[in-house]
């Protein structure tokens, strides 16, 4: 089984991208994801896109990381968006009603178009 990775890169217009690949189930995977979000906050990346296209499942701890990231970004009046969720992850986001809180898009292109400024 391949380890989950959370890779940070930078796109045009100062947008940071976290690309997550693999399930978000165990403490190591969650830690990598949390550290990637913390790195973006530390470098003052005021626009963050989290691409969950490589995630096939996430547990409640991963959802907690998403909520924490949303809270941190909202408190700073920064922008956070999600994209690329498969049906299983999208169902989790919908069941937990996070789709009412988080700005989600089907594709990275769609999400990038939503960033203001």
N, C-alpha and C. Protein backbone atom coordinates (compact mmCIF):
# COMPACT_ATOMS: atom_id res chain seq x y z
N UNK A 1 0.84 -1.19 0.00
CA UNK A 1 0.00 0.00 0.00
C UNK A 1 0.89 1.25 0.00
N UNK A 2 0.56 2.20 -0.84
CA UNK A 2 1.33 3.42 -0.96
C UNK A 2 0.98 4.38 0.17
N UNK A 3 2.02 5.04 0.69
CA UNK A 3 1.80 6.00 1.77
C UNK A 3 1.10 7.24 1.24
N UNK A 4 0.30 7.84 2.07
CA UNK A 4 -0.39 9.08 1.72
C UNK A 4 0.63 10.21 1.70
N UNK A 5 0.50 11.07 0.72
CA UNK A 5 1.36 12.24 0.62
C UNK A 5 0.51 13.50 0.56
N UNK A 6 1.02 14.55 1.16
CA UNK A 6 0.39 15.87 1.06
C UNK A 6 1.49 16.81 0.58
N UNK A 7 1.42 17.18 -0.69
CA UNK A 7 2.46 17.95 -1.34
C UNK A 7 2.01 19.39 -1.52
N UNK A 8 2.86 20.33 -1.09
CA UNK A 8 2.56 21.75 -1.25
C UNK A 8 3.32 22.29 -2.45
N UNK A 9 2.61 23.01 -3.31
CA UNK A 9 3.25 23.71 -4.42
C UNK A 9 2.56 25.06 -4.56
N UNK A 10 3.07 25.86 -5.47
CA UNK A 10 2.51 27.20 -5.65
C UNK A 10 2.09 27.39 -7.10
N UNK A 11 0.90 27.95 -7.27
CA UNK A 11 0.33 28.19 -8.59
C UNK A 11 0.37 29.68 -8.90
N UNK A 12 -0.22 30.04 -10.01
CA UNK A 12 -0.28 31.45 -10.39
C UNK A 12 -1.10 32.26 -9.39
N UNK A 13 -0.92 33.55 -9.41
CA UNK A 13 -1.65 34.51 -8.57
C UNK A 13 -1.47 34.27 -7.08
N UNK A 14 -0.35 33.68 -6.69
CA UNK A 14 -0.06 33.49 -5.27
C UNK A 14 -0.92 32.44 -4.59
N UNK A 15 -1.46 31.51 -5.35
CA UNK A 15 -2.31 30.46 -4.78
C UNK A 15 -1.45 29.26 -4.40
N UNK A 16 -1.55 28.84 -3.15
CA UNK A 16 -0.86 27.63 -2.70
C UNK A 16 -1.77 26.43 -2.97
N UNK A 17 -1.15 25.32 -3.31
CA UNK A 17 -1.89 24.10 -3.61
C UNK A 17 -1.37 22.98 -2.72
N UNK A 18 -2.29 22.31 -2.04
CA UNK A 18 -1.96 21.07 -1.34
C UNK A 18 -2.64 19.95 -2.11
N UNK A 19 -1.83 19.06 -2.65
CA UNK A 19 -2.34 17.89 -3.37
C UNK A 19 -2.19 16.69 -2.44
N UNK A 20 -3.31 16.06 -2.10
CA UNK A 20 -3.29 14.91 -1.20
C UNK A 20 -3.53 13.65 -2.02
N UNK A 21 -2.65 12.67 -1.84
CA UNK A 21 -2.76 11.39 -2.55
C UNK A 21 -2.74 10.26 -1.55
N UNK A 22 -3.78 9.45 -1.54
CA UNK A 22 -3.88 8.31 -0.64
C UNK A 22 -4.97 8.54 0.39
N UNK A 23 -5.31 7.49 1.13
CA UNK A 23 -6.36 7.63 2.14
C UNK A 23 -5.91 8.47 3.33
N UNK A 24 -6.83 9.21 3.91
CA UNK A 24 -6.55 9.99 5.11
C UNK A 24 -7.20 9.27 6.28
N UNK A 25 -6.50 8.25 6.77
CA UNK A 25 -7.06 7.38 7.82
C UNK A 25 -6.20 7.31 9.07
N UNK A 26 -4.91 7.20 8.92
CA UNK A 26 -4.03 6.99 10.07
C UNK A 26 -3.36 8.25 10.54
N UNK A 27 -2.69 8.14 11.67
CA UNK A 27 -2.06 9.32 12.27
C UNK A 27 -0.96 9.90 11.40
N UNK A 28 -0.17 9.05 10.72
CA UNK A 28 0.90 9.57 9.86
C UNK A 28 0.34 10.38 8.70
N UNK A 29 -0.72 9.85 8.08
CA UNK A 29 -1.32 10.54 6.95
C UNK A 29 -1.94 11.87 7.37
N UNK A 30 -2.63 11.84 8.50
CA UNK A 30 -3.27 13.05 9.01
C UNK A 30 -2.20 14.08 9.39
N UNK A 31 -1.11 13.62 10.00
CA UNK A 31 -0.02 14.52 10.39
C UNK A 31 0.57 15.21 9.16
N UNK A 32 0.79 14.45 8.09
CA UNK A 32 1.34 15.05 6.87
C UNK A 32 0.40 16.11 6.31
N UNK A 33 -0.88 15.83 6.33
CA UNK A 33 -1.88 16.78 5.84
C UNK A 33 -1.90 18.03 6.72
N UNK A 34 -1.93 17.82 8.04
CA UNK A 34 -1.94 18.93 8.99
C UNK A 34 -0.70 19.82 8.83
N UNK A 35 0.46 19.18 8.66
CA UNK A 35 1.71 19.92 8.50
C UNK A 35 1.72 20.72 7.21
N UNK A 36 1.13 20.18 6.16
CA UNK A 36 1.05 20.91 4.89
C UNK A 36 0.19 22.17 5.05
N UNK A 37 -0.94 22.04 5.74
CA UNK A 37 -1.81 23.20 6.00
C UNK A 37 -1.07 24.22 6.87
N UNK A 38 -0.41 23.74 7.92
CA UNK A 38 0.33 24.64 8.82
C UNK A 38 1.45 25.38 8.07
N UNK A 39 2.10 24.69 7.14
CA UNK A 39 3.16 25.33 6.35
C UNK A 39 2.60 26.46 5.50
N UNK A 40 1.43 26.25 4.92
CA UNK A 40 0.80 27.29 4.11
C UNK A 40 0.42 28.50 4.96
N UNK A 41 -0.08 28.24 6.15
CA UNK A 41 -0.43 29.34 7.06
C UNK A 41 0.83 30.08 7.49
N UNK A 42 1.88 29.34 7.83
CA UNK A 42 3.14 29.95 8.28
C UNK A 42 3.76 30.84 7.21
N UNK A 43 3.62 30.45 5.95
CA UNK A 43 4.19 31.28 4.88
C UNK A 43 3.21 32.33 4.37
N UNK A 44 2.10 32.47 5.11
CA UNK A 44 1.09 33.48 4.81
C UNK A 44 0.50 33.34 3.40
N UNK A 45 0.27 32.09 3.01
CA UNK A 45 -0.39 31.81 1.73
C UNK A 45 -1.88 32.07 1.92
N UNK A 46 -2.32 33.25 1.55
CA UNK A 46 -3.69 33.68 1.85
C UNK A 46 -4.73 33.05 0.95
N UNK A 47 -4.30 32.33 -0.06
CA UNK A 47 -5.21 31.59 -0.94
C UNK A 47 -4.72 30.15 -1.00
N UNK A 48 -5.57 29.24 -0.56
CA UNK A 48 -5.19 27.84 -0.51
C UNK A 48 -6.22 26.99 -1.23
N UNK A 49 -5.72 26.15 -2.11
CA UNK A 49 -6.55 25.17 -2.81
C UNK A 49 -6.10 23.79 -2.36
N UNK A 50 -7.02 23.01 -1.82
CA UNK A 50 -6.72 21.64 -1.41
C UNK A 50 -7.35 20.71 -2.44
N UNK A 51 -6.48 19.99 -3.16
CA UNK A 51 -6.92 19.06 -4.19
C UNK A 51 -6.98 17.66 -3.58
N UNK A 52 -8.20 17.16 -3.40
CA UNK A 52 -8.42 15.85 -2.79
C UNK A 52 -8.66 14.77 -3.84
N UNK A 53 -8.25 15.02 -5.08
CA UNK A 53 -8.47 14.09 -6.17
C UNK A 53 -7.83 12.72 -5.97
N UNK A 54 -6.76 12.67 -5.18
CA UNK A 54 -6.08 11.40 -4.93
C UNK A 54 -6.51 10.71 -3.66
N UNK A 55 -7.52 11.25 -2.98
CA UNK A 55 -7.99 10.67 -1.71
C UNK A 55 -9.20 9.78 -1.99
N UNK A 56 -9.10 8.52 -1.58
CA UNK A 56 -10.23 7.62 -1.80
C UNK A 56 -11.10 7.47 -0.55
N UNK A 57 -10.58 7.87 0.59
CA UNK A 57 -11.37 7.81 1.83
C UNK A 57 -10.73 8.69 2.88
N UNK A 58 -11.54 9.25 3.75
CA UNK A 58 -11.02 10.04 4.88
C UNK A 58 -11.86 9.74 6.11
N UNK A 59 -11.21 9.83 7.27
CA UNK A 59 -11.93 9.58 8.51
C UNK A 59 -12.29 10.91 9.18
N UNK A 60 -12.87 10.81 10.36
CA UNK A 60 -13.33 12.01 11.06
C UNK A 60 -12.18 12.93 11.46
N UNK A 61 -11.01 12.39 11.69
CA UNK A 61 -9.86 13.22 12.03
C UNK A 61 -9.47 14.11 10.84
N UNK A 62 -9.52 13.54 9.65
CA UNK A 62 -9.22 14.32 8.44
C UNK A 62 -10.25 15.42 8.25
N UNK A 63 -11.50 15.12 8.55
CA UNK A 63 -12.54 16.14 8.47
C UNK A 63 -12.25 17.25 9.47
N UNK A 64 -11.77 16.87 10.65
CA UNK A 64 -11.38 17.86 11.65
C UNK A 64 -10.27 18.77 11.14
N UNK A 65 -9.33 18.22 10.39
CA UNK A 65 -8.24 19.03 9.82
C UNK A 65 -8.82 20.02 8.81
N UNK A 66 -9.76 19.57 8.00
CA UNK A 66 -10.41 20.47 7.04
C UNK A 66 -11.15 21.61 7.74
N UNK A 67 -11.89 21.27 8.79
CA UNK A 67 -12.62 22.30 9.54
C UNK A 67 -11.65 23.27 10.20
N UNK A 68 -10.57 22.75 10.76
CA UNK A 68 -9.56 23.60 11.39
C UNK A 68 -8.92 24.53 10.36
N UNK A 69 -8.61 24.00 9.18
CA UNK A 69 -8.03 24.82 8.12
C UNK A 69 -9.01 25.91 7.70
N UNK A 70 -10.28 25.53 7.53
CA UNK A 70 -11.31 26.50 7.18
C UNK A 70 -11.39 27.61 8.23
N UNK A 71 -11.40 27.22 9.49
CA UNK A 71 -11.48 28.19 10.58
C UNK A 71 -10.27 29.13 10.58
N UNK A 72 -9.08 28.57 10.43
CA UNK A 72 -7.86 29.38 10.40
C UNK A 72 -7.88 30.36 9.24
N UNK A 73 -8.31 29.91 8.09
CA UNK A 73 -8.34 30.78 6.92
C UNK A 73 -9.44 31.83 7.03
N UNK A 74 -10.59 31.45 7.49
CA UNK A 74 -11.70 32.39 7.63
C UNK A 74 -11.36 33.47 8.67
N UNK A 75 -10.78 33.07 9.77
CA UNK A 75 -10.41 34.01 10.82
C UNK A 75 -9.45 35.08 10.30
N UNK A 76 -8.60 34.71 9.37
CA UNK A 76 -7.63 35.64 8.80
C UNK A 76 -8.20 36.38 7.57
N UNK A 77 -9.43 36.07 7.22
CA UNK A 77 -10.08 36.62 6.02
C UNK A 77 -9.32 36.20 4.76
N UNK A 78 -8.82 34.97 4.77
CA UNK A 78 -8.14 34.37 3.63
C UNK A 78 -9.13 33.45 2.93
N UNK A 79 -8.72 32.91 1.80
CA UNK A 79 -9.58 32.05 1.00
C UNK A 79 -9.07 30.61 0.97
N UNK A 80 -9.98 29.67 1.16
CA UNK A 80 -9.67 28.24 1.09
C UNK A 80 -10.73 27.56 0.24
N UNK A 81 -10.28 26.73 -0.68
CA UNK A 81 -11.20 26.02 -1.57
C UNK A 81 -10.74 24.57 -1.70
N UNK A 82 -11.70 23.68 -1.98
CA UNK A 82 -11.41 22.26 -2.21
C UNK A 82 -11.79 21.90 -3.63
N UNK A 83 -11.08 20.91 -4.18
CA UNK A 83 -11.45 20.43 -5.51
C UNK A 83 -11.10 18.95 -5.66
N UNK A 84 -11.63 18.38 -6.73
CA UNK A 84 -11.24 17.05 -7.16
C UNK A 84 -11.75 15.88 -6.35
N UNK A 85 -12.75 16.09 -5.54
CA UNK A 85 -13.21 15.00 -4.67
C UNK A 85 -13.93 13.92 -5.48
N UNK A 86 -13.60 12.66 -5.20
CA UNK A 86 -14.32 11.57 -5.85
C UNK A 86 -15.68 11.39 -5.16
N UNK A 87 -16.47 10.44 -5.62
CA UNK A 87 -17.82 10.28 -5.08
C UNK A 87 -17.81 9.93 -3.59
N UNK A 88 -16.86 9.09 -3.16
CA UNK A 88 -16.82 8.68 -1.75
C UNK A 88 -16.51 9.86 -0.84
N UNK A 89 -15.50 10.64 -1.20
CA UNK A 89 -15.11 11.80 -0.38
C UNK A 89 -16.20 12.87 -0.45
N UNK A 90 -16.77 13.08 -1.63
CA UNK A 90 -17.86 14.04 -1.77
C UNK A 90 -19.05 13.65 -0.90
N UNK A 91 -19.34 12.35 -0.81
CA UNK A 91 -20.43 11.88 0.05
C UNK A 91 -20.15 12.19 1.51
N UNK A 92 -18.91 11.99 1.95
CA UNK A 92 -18.54 12.29 3.33
C UNK A 92 -18.72 13.78 3.61
N UNK A 93 -18.26 14.61 2.68
CA UNK A 93 -18.40 16.06 2.82
C UNK A 93 -19.89 16.45 2.88
N UNK A 94 -20.71 15.81 2.07
CA UNK A 94 -22.13 16.11 2.03
C UNK A 94 -22.85 15.61 3.29
N UNK A 95 -22.57 14.38 3.69
CA UNK A 95 -23.22 13.80 4.88
C UNK A 95 -22.92 14.63 6.13
N UNK A 96 -21.69 15.12 6.23
CA UNK A 96 -21.30 15.93 7.39
C UNK A 96 -21.73 17.39 7.25
N UNK A 97 -22.36 17.69 6.11
CA UNK A 97 -22.84 19.04 5.80
C UNK A 97 -21.72 20.06 5.64
N UNK A 98 -20.49 19.59 5.45
CA UNK A 98 -19.38 20.51 5.21
C UNK A 98 -19.48 21.18 3.85
N UNK A 99 -20.29 20.61 2.96
CA UNK A 99 -20.50 21.25 1.67
C UNK A 99 -21.20 22.60 1.82
N UNK A 100 -21.86 22.81 2.96
CA UNK A 100 -22.50 24.10 3.23
C UNK A 100 -21.51 25.13 3.75
N UNK A 101 -20.37 24.64 4.22
CA UNK A 101 -19.35 25.50 4.82
C UNK A 101 -18.17 25.73 3.88
N UNK A 102 -17.71 24.66 3.26
CA UNK A 102 -16.52 24.70 2.42
C UNK A 102 -16.88 24.99 0.97
N UNK A 103 -16.03 25.76 0.31
CA UNK A 103 -16.20 26.07 -1.10
C UNK A 103 -15.56 24.94 -1.91
N UNK A 104 -16.39 24.14 -2.58
CA UNK A 104 -15.88 23.00 -3.32
C UNK A 104 -16.13 23.17 -4.82
N UNK A 105 -15.24 22.57 -5.60
CA UNK A 105 -15.38 22.55 -7.05
C UNK A 105 -15.01 21.16 -7.55
N UNK A 106 -15.58 20.82 -8.68
CA UNK A 106 -15.29 19.52 -9.26
C UNK A 106 -13.86 19.44 -9.77
N UNK A 107 -13.40 20.50 -10.44
CA UNK A 107 -12.06 20.49 -11.03
C UNK A 107 -11.19 21.59 -10.45
N UNK A 108 -9.89 21.43 -10.63
CA UNK A 108 -8.94 22.44 -10.18
C UNK A 108 -9.17 23.75 -10.95
N UNK A 109 -9.44 23.65 -12.23
CA UNK A 109 -9.68 24.84 -13.06
C UNK A 109 -10.87 25.63 -12.54
N UNK A 110 -11.96 24.93 -12.23
CA UNK A 110 -13.15 25.59 -11.69
C UNK A 110 -12.83 26.28 -10.36
N UNK A 111 -12.08 25.61 -9.49
CA UNK A 111 -11.74 26.17 -8.19
C UNK A 111 -10.86 27.41 -8.34
N UNK A 112 -9.88 27.34 -9.23
CA UNK A 112 -8.98 28.48 -9.44
C UNK A 112 -9.75 29.71 -9.91
N UNK A 113 -10.75 29.50 -10.73
CA UNK A 113 -11.56 30.61 -11.24
C UNK A 113 -12.36 31.31 -10.14
N UNK A 114 -12.59 30.63 -9.03
CA UNK A 114 -13.38 31.20 -7.93
C UNK A 114 -12.56 32.10 -7.00
N UNK A 115 -11.23 32.04 -7.08
CA UNK A 115 -10.42 32.88 -6.19
C UNK A 115 -10.53 34.34 -6.61
N UNK A 116 -10.80 35.20 -5.64
CA UNK A 116 -10.89 36.63 -5.93
C UNK A 116 -9.55 37.29 -5.70
N UNK A 117 -9.39 38.47 -6.28
CA UNK A 117 -8.17 39.24 -6.08
C UNK A 117 -7.12 38.74 -6.93
